């Protein structure tokens, strides 16, 4: 299942766990120059509370971002049980 969010494509992937896959759009992925290298390494190296663990897949200088969502519940189902 994939969703278009503004200029980004979100897709749910189940392979060795559950992941949210983020790329620019269906045909185009991120490039190295889209990220600031120092900030990216800081995010990957440190466990930041309330931030989903992130990993990158770089194939032929085309980067896809994966967020690990295994074991997490969707906000929609949570708000059905406990309205805001």
N, C-alpha and C. Protein backbone atom coordinates (compact mmCIF):
# COMPACT_ATOMS: atom_id res chain seq x y z
N UNK A 1 0.85 -1.17 0.00
CA UNK A 1 0.00 0.00 0.00
C UNK A 1 0.89 1.23 0.00
N UNK A 2 0.61 2.17 -0.89
CA UNK A 2 1.41 3.39 -0.94
C UNK A 2 0.50 4.60 -0.95
N UNK A 3 0.99 5.69 -0.41
CA UNK A 3 0.26 6.95 -0.33
C UNK A 3 1.13 8.06 -0.87
N UNK A 4 0.51 9.02 -1.55
CA UNK A 4 1.23 10.20 -2.02
C UNK A 4 0.97 11.31 -1.01
N UNK A 5 2.03 11.87 -0.44
CA UNK A 5 1.94 12.94 0.54
C UNK A 5 2.74 14.12 -0.01
N UNK A 6 2.02 15.14 -0.48
CA UNK A 6 2.64 16.29 -1.15
C UNK A 6 3.55 15.78 -2.26
N UNK A 7 4.85 16.00 -2.15
CA UNK A 7 5.77 15.56 -3.21
C UNK A 7 6.45 14.24 -2.88
N UNK A 8 6.04 13.57 -1.80
CA UNK A 8 6.72 12.36 -1.36
C UNK A 8 5.82 11.15 -1.49
N UNK A 9 6.43 10.01 -1.67
CA UNK A 9 5.71 8.75 -1.76
C UNK A 9 6.01 7.93 -0.52
N UNK A 10 4.97 7.53 0.21
CA UNK A 10 5.10 6.69 1.40
C UNK A 10 4.57 5.30 1.06
N UNK A 11 5.31 4.30 1.46
CA UNK A 11 4.90 2.92 1.18
C UNK A 11 5.22 2.06 2.39
N UNK A 12 4.30 1.16 2.75
CA UNK A 12 4.52 0.25 3.86
C UNK A 12 5.17 -1.02 3.32
N UNK A 13 6.28 -1.43 3.92
CA UNK A 13 7.03 -2.58 3.46
C UNK A 13 7.19 -3.55 4.62
N UNK A 14 6.92 -4.83 4.38
CA UNK A 14 7.16 -5.85 5.39
C UNK A 14 8.20 -6.82 4.86
N UNK A 15 9.44 -6.60 5.28
CA UNK A 15 10.56 -7.45 4.90
C UNK A 15 11.56 -7.38 6.05
N UNK A 16 11.70 -8.48 6.78
CA UNK A 16 12.52 -8.49 8.00
C UNK A 16 12.04 -7.44 8.99
N UNK A 17 10.74 -7.31 9.14
CA UNK A 17 10.13 -6.32 10.02
C UNK A 17 9.22 -5.41 9.22
N UNK A 18 8.61 -4.46 9.89
CA UNK A 18 7.71 -3.52 9.23
C UNK A 18 8.40 -2.16 9.10
N UNK A 19 8.36 -1.61 7.90
CA UNK A 19 9.04 -0.35 7.63
C UNK A 19 8.13 0.58 6.85
N UNK A 20 8.35 1.87 7.02
CA UNK A 20 7.71 2.90 6.22
C UNK A 20 8.78 3.41 5.26
N UNK A 21 8.54 3.25 3.97
CA UNK A 21 9.51 3.60 2.94
C UNK A 21 9.16 4.98 2.40
N UNK A 22 10.15 5.87 2.34
CA UNK A 22 9.94 7.24 1.90
C UNK A 22 10.86 7.53 0.71
N UNK A 23 10.27 8.03 -0.37
CA UNK A 23 11.07 8.49 -1.50
C UNK A 23 10.38 9.70 -2.11
N UNK A 24 11.08 10.40 -3.02
CA UNK A 24 10.55 11.65 -3.56
C UNK A 24 9.23 11.45 -4.28
N UNK A 25 9.19 10.58 -5.24
CA UNK A 25 7.95 10.21 -5.91
C UNK A 25 8.14 8.83 -6.51
N UNK A 26 7.18 8.36 -7.26
CA UNK A 26 7.23 6.98 -7.74
C UNK A 26 8.45 6.72 -8.64
N UNK A 27 8.85 7.68 -9.42
CA UNK A 27 9.94 7.48 -10.37
C UNK A 27 11.28 8.00 -9.87
N UNK A 28 11.27 8.94 -8.96
CA UNK A 28 12.52 9.60 -8.54
C UNK A 28 12.77 9.35 -7.05
N UNK A 29 14.01 9.02 -6.75
CA UNK A 29 14.40 8.82 -5.35
C UNK A 29 15.28 9.98 -4.92
N UNK A 30 15.63 10.01 -3.64
CA UNK A 30 16.50 11.06 -3.13
C UNK A 30 17.91 10.90 -3.69
N UNK A 31 18.63 11.98 -3.74
CA UNK A 31 20.05 11.95 -4.13
C UNK A 31 20.88 12.36 -2.92
N UNK A 32 22.16 12.09 -2.97
CA UNK A 32 23.06 12.38 -1.85
C UNK A 32 23.02 13.86 -1.48
N UNK A 33 22.92 14.74 -2.47
CA UNK A 33 22.94 16.18 -2.19
C UNK A 33 21.64 16.68 -1.54
N UNK A 34 20.62 15.83 -1.46
CA UNK A 34 19.39 16.20 -0.76
C UNK A 34 19.55 16.17 0.76
N UNK A 35 20.62 15.55 1.24
CA UNK A 35 20.85 15.41 2.68
C UNK A 35 22.11 16.14 3.09
N UNK A 36 22.12 16.64 4.31
CA UNK A 36 23.34 17.19 4.88
C UNK A 36 24.02 16.05 5.62
N UNK A 37 25.21 15.71 5.19
CA UNK A 37 25.90 14.50 5.65
C UNK A 37 26.09 14.46 7.16
N UNK A 38 26.53 15.54 7.76
CA UNK A 38 26.78 15.57 9.20
C UNK A 38 25.49 15.33 9.98
N UNK A 39 24.42 16.01 9.62
CA UNK A 39 23.16 15.85 10.32
C UNK A 39 22.62 14.44 10.16
N UNK A 40 22.75 13.89 8.98
CA UNK A 40 22.28 12.54 8.72
C UNK A 40 23.03 11.51 9.57
N UNK A 41 24.34 11.65 9.67
CA UNK A 41 25.13 10.73 10.49
C UNK A 41 24.79 10.87 11.97
N UNK A 42 24.49 12.09 12.41
CA UNK A 42 24.11 12.30 13.81
C UNK A 42 22.79 11.59 14.11
N UNK A 43 21.83 11.69 13.21
CA UNK A 43 20.53 11.05 13.41
C UNK A 43 20.68 9.53 13.41
N UNK A 44 21.50 9.00 12.52
CA UNK A 44 21.68 7.55 12.44
C UNK A 44 22.48 7.00 13.61
N UNK A 45 23.40 7.78 14.16
CA UNK A 45 24.30 7.29 15.20
C UNK A 45 23.69 7.35 16.59
N UNK A 46 22.72 8.22 16.80
CA UNK A 46 22.17 8.43 18.13
C UNK A 46 20.71 7.99 18.20
N UNK A 47 20.34 7.42 19.33
CA UNK A 47 18.96 7.05 19.56
C UNK A 47 18.24 8.27 20.12
N UNK A 48 17.38 8.87 19.33
CA UNK A 48 16.67 10.09 19.74
C UNK A 48 15.28 9.68 20.21
N UNK A 49 14.91 10.03 21.46
CA UNK A 49 13.59 9.65 21.97
C UNK A 49 12.47 10.20 21.08
N UNK A 50 11.46 9.39 20.85
CA UNK A 50 10.27 9.72 20.08
C UNK A 50 10.55 9.98 18.60
N UNK A 51 11.71 9.58 18.12
CA UNK A 51 12.02 9.66 16.69
C UNK A 51 12.17 8.23 16.17
N UNK A 52 11.48 7.89 15.10
CA UNK A 52 11.55 6.53 14.57
C UNK A 52 12.95 6.21 14.09
N UNK A 53 13.43 5.00 14.38
CA UNK A 53 14.75 4.60 13.87
C UNK A 53 14.74 4.65 12.34
N UNK A 54 15.81 5.19 11.78
CA UNK A 54 15.88 5.44 10.36
C UNK A 54 17.07 4.74 9.74
N UNK A 55 16.89 4.20 8.55
CA UNK A 55 18.01 3.64 7.80
C UNK A 55 17.88 4.08 6.35
N UNK A 56 19.01 4.07 5.65
CA UNK A 56 19.03 4.51 4.26
C UNK A 56 19.49 3.37 3.37
N UNK A 57 18.93 3.30 2.19
CA UNK A 57 19.36 2.33 1.19
C UNK A 57 19.85 3.13 -0.01
N UNK A 58 21.13 3.01 -0.30
CA UNK A 58 21.74 3.76 -1.40
C UNK A 58 22.11 2.80 -2.53
N UNK A 59 21.40 2.89 -3.63
CA UNK A 59 21.67 2.07 -4.80
C UNK A 59 21.87 3.00 -5.99
N UNK A 60 23.07 2.97 -6.55
CA UNK A 60 23.41 3.82 -7.71
C UNK A 60 23.13 5.30 -7.44
N UNK A 61 23.54 5.77 -6.27
CA UNK A 61 23.36 7.16 -5.85
C UNK A 61 21.89 7.58 -5.81
N UNK A 62 20.99 6.62 -5.66
CA UNK A 62 19.58 6.90 -5.44
C UNK A 62 19.24 6.36 -4.06
N UNK A 63 18.77 7.24 -3.19
CA UNK A 63 18.60 6.90 -1.78
C UNK A 63 17.12 6.77 -1.43
N UNK A 64 16.80 5.71 -0.70
CA UNK A 64 15.47 5.50 -0.16
C UNK A 64 15.60 5.48 1.36
N UNK A 65 14.68 6.16 2.04
CA UNK A 65 14.70 6.25 3.50
C UNK A 65 13.69 5.25 4.05
N UNK A 66 14.12 4.48 5.06
CA UNK A 66 13.25 3.51 5.72
C UNK A 66 13.14 3.86 7.20
N UNK A 67 11.91 3.93 7.70
CA UNK A 67 11.65 4.14 9.12
C UNK A 67 11.09 2.84 9.68
N UNK A 68 11.67 2.36 10.77
CA UNK A 68 11.23 1.10 11.38
C UNK A 68 9.97 1.36 12.20
N UNK A 69 8.87 0.73 11.82
CA UNK A 69 7.59 0.94 12.50
C UNK A 69 7.07 -0.35 13.12
N UNK A 70 7.92 -1.36 13.20
CA UNK A 70 7.52 -2.65 13.77
C UNK A 70 7.13 -2.48 15.24
N UNK A 71 6.01 -3.02 15.61
CA UNK A 71 5.56 -2.98 16.99
C UNK A 71 4.84 -1.69 17.36
N UNK A 72 4.64 -0.78 16.40
CA UNK A 72 3.95 0.47 16.67
C UNK A 72 2.52 0.40 16.15
N UNK A 73 1.64 1.14 16.80
CA UNK A 73 0.24 1.17 16.38
C UNK A 73 -0.03 2.43 15.59
N UNK A 74 -0.97 2.34 14.65
CA UNK A 74 -1.33 3.51 13.87
C UNK A 74 -2.13 4.48 14.74
N UNK A 75 -1.94 5.74 14.50
CA UNK A 75 -2.64 6.78 15.26
C UNK A 75 -4.15 6.67 15.05
N UNK A 76 -4.56 6.27 13.87
CA UNK A 76 -5.99 6.16 13.58
C UNK A 76 -6.67 5.16 14.51
N UNK A 77 -6.06 4.00 14.71
CA UNK A 77 -6.69 3.00 15.58
C UNK A 77 -6.65 3.43 17.04
N UNK A 78 -5.61 4.16 17.43
CA UNK A 78 -5.52 4.65 18.81
C UNK A 78 -6.58 5.70 19.11
N UNK A 79 -6.87 6.60 18.15
CA UNK A 79 -7.87 7.64 18.37
C UNK A 79 -9.29 7.09 18.36
N UNK A 80 -9.49 5.93 17.72
CA UNK A 80 -10.81 5.30 17.78
C UNK A 80 -11.11 4.79 19.17
N UNK A 81 -10.07 4.26 19.84
CA UNK A 81 -10.23 3.74 21.20
C UNK A 81 -10.30 4.85 22.24
N UNK A 82 -9.46 5.85 22.08
CA UNK A 82 -9.39 6.97 23.03
C UNK A 82 -9.47 8.29 22.28
N UNK A 83 -10.68 8.83 22.11
CA UNK A 83 -10.81 10.10 21.36
C UNK A 83 -10.01 11.22 22.04
N UNK A 84 -9.55 12.13 21.22
CA UNK A 84 -8.72 13.24 21.75
C UNK A 84 -9.53 14.21 22.57
